[in-house]
Protein backbone atom coordinates (compact mmCIF):
# COMPACT_ATOMS: atom_id res chain seq x y z
CA UNK A 1 120.42 129.18 110.38
CA UNK A 2 121.57 131.90 108.05
CA UNK A 3 119.13 134.33 106.50
CA UNK A 4 119.76 135.78 103.09
CA UNK A 5 118.56 138.99 101.51
CA UNK A 6 116.24 138.86 98.53
CA UNK A 7 119.14 139.92 96.30
CA UNK A 8 121.37 137.09 97.61
CA UNK A 9 118.59 134.55 97.09
CA UNK A 10 118.09 135.77 93.52
CA UNK A 11 121.84 135.53 92.85
CA UNK A 12 121.96 131.95 94.18
CA UNK A 13 118.84 131.05 92.18
CA UNK A 14 120.48 132.41 88.99
CA UNK A 15 123.71 130.51 89.73
CA UNK A 16 121.76 127.25 90.11
CA UNK A 17 119.80 127.95 86.92
CA UNK A 18 122.94 128.80 84.94
CA UNK A 19 124.66 125.61 86.14
CA UNK A 20 121.80 123.45 84.88
CA UNK A 21 121.66 121.76 81.52
CA UNK A 22 119.65 123.22 78.66
CA UNK A 23 116.92 120.62 79.11
CA UNK A 24 116.39 121.49 82.79
CA UNK A 25 116.41 125.19 82.03
CA UNK A 26 113.81 124.66 79.33
CA UNK A 27 111.52 122.84 81.79
CA UNK A 28 111.84 125.68 84.31
CA UNK A 29 111.18 128.33 81.68
CA UNK A 30 108.09 126.43 80.55
CA UNK A 31 106.67 126.56 84.10
CA UNK A 32 107.96 130.07 84.78
CA UNK A 33 111.32 131.12 86.17
CA UNK A 34 109.71 133.52 88.65
CA UNK A 35 107.61 130.73 90.19
CA UNK A 36 110.54 128.30 90.39
CA UNK A 37 111.93 127.85 93.90
CA UNK A 38 115.08 125.72 94.01
CA UNK A 39 115.16 126.14 97.80
CA UNK A 40 111.71 124.68 98.52
CA UNK A 41 111.49 121.92 101.12
CA UNK A 42 110.86 118.50 99.59
CA UNK A 43 107.42 116.96 100.02
CA UNK A 44 107.05 113.97 102.31
CA UNK A 45 107.37 110.66 100.55
CA UNK A 46 104.11 108.71 100.70
CA UNK A 47 105.64 106.02 102.90
CA UNK A 48 106.27 108.44 105.79
CA UNK A 49 103.04 110.40 105.58
CA UNK A 50 100.79 109.85 108.55
CA UNK A 51 97.03 109.82 108.85
CA UNK A 52 94.84 111.29 111.60
CA UNK A 53 95.87 108.48 113.96
CA UNK A 54 99.55 109.40 113.46
CA UNK A 55 100.23 106.05 111.76
CA UNK A 56 101.94 105.50 108.41
CA UNK A 57 100.25 103.36 105.75
CA UNK A 58 102.69 100.57 106.52
CA UNK A 59 101.81 100.68 110.23
CA UNK A 60 98.08 100.68 109.47
CA UNK A 61 98.14 97.73 107.09
CA UNK A 62 100.40 95.70 109.37
CA UNK A 63 98.11 96.33 112.35
CA UNK A 64 95.00 95.49 110.33
CA UNK A 65 96.38 92.23 108.94
CA UNK A 66 97.70 91.14 112.35
CA UNK A 67 94.23 91.60 113.84
CA UNK A 68 92.57 89.70 110.98
CA UNK A 69 92.29 85.92 111.07
CA UNK A 70 94.99 84.48 108.79
CA UNK A 71 92.47 81.89 107.60
CA UNK A 72 90.12 84.70 106.65
CA UNK A 73 92.15 86.40 103.96
CA UNK A 74 93.99 85.74 100.73
CA UNK A 75 96.58 87.74 98.84
CA UNK A 76 93.73 89.49 97.00
CA UNK A 77 92.15 90.42 100.32
CA UNK A 78 95.45 91.85 101.59
CA UNK A 79 96.02 93.74 98.32
CA UNK A 80 92.53 95.27 98.52
CA UNK A 81 93.18 96.36 102.09
CA UNK A 82 96.52 97.87 101.04
CA UNK A 83 94.89 99.77 98.15
CA UNK A 84 92.30 101.17 100.56
CA UNK A 85 95.03 102.07 103.04
CA UNK A 86 97.06 104.03 100.48
CA UNK A 87 94.06 105.86 99.04
CA UNK A 88 91.85 106.55 102.05
CA UNK A 89 93.11 110.11 102.63
CA UNK A 90 93.46 111.25 99.04
CA UNK A 91 91.58 109.15 96.51
CA UNK A 92 87.88 109.93 95.98
CA UNK A 93 87.17 106.45 94.61
CA UNK A 94 88.64 104.83 97.74
CA UNK A 95 86.79 107.25 100.01
CA UNK A 96 83.54 106.32 98.26
CA UNK A 97 84.27 102.62 98.74
CA UNK A 98 85.09 103.24 102.39
CA UNK A 99 81.91 105.24 103.02
CA UNK A 100 79.79 102.62 101.25
CA UNK A 101 81.38 99.82 103.31
CA UNK A 102 80.52 101.57 106.56
CA UNK A 103 76.99 102.32 105.38
CA UNK A 104 76.45 98.74 104.20
CA UNK A 105 77.73 97.29 107.46
CA UNK A 106 75.26 99.45 109.40
CA UNK A 107 72.43 98.44 107.04
CA UNK A 108 73.15 94.74 107.58
CA UNK A 109 73.29 95.29 111.33
CA UNK A 110 70.04 97.28 111.32
CA UNK A 111 68.24 94.54 109.39
CA UNK A 112 69.59 91.71 111.57
CA UNK A 113 72.15 90.36 109.11
CA UNK A 114 75.23 91.45 111.05
CA UNK A 115 76.46 87.85 111.47
CA UNK A 116 76.66 87.43 107.66
CA UNK A 117 79.99 89.23 107.11
């Protein structure tokens, strides 16, 4: 892979900027030309991000639903599981729901109600 000098990078950056439309240039200037990096690597799309188990959200939800009794869930149930799956690593609301679920399950078990759910 080629390496460029700082001067070459700046020249290429200016060429890209100059080739852009006025609207795009305005957006970059608003955020700051110096901070703009047209050569930055793109972020991973959410559908290929993996969790601690090295599974994508799609893999997790598929595995969960396959291991759940088909008689035991509705479309709402599956949608709730999917929402939890997408938000578990990044959404504070979902993390709170997840933590509460685990705590509540342990409470039921501790008090002898573990057959209820």
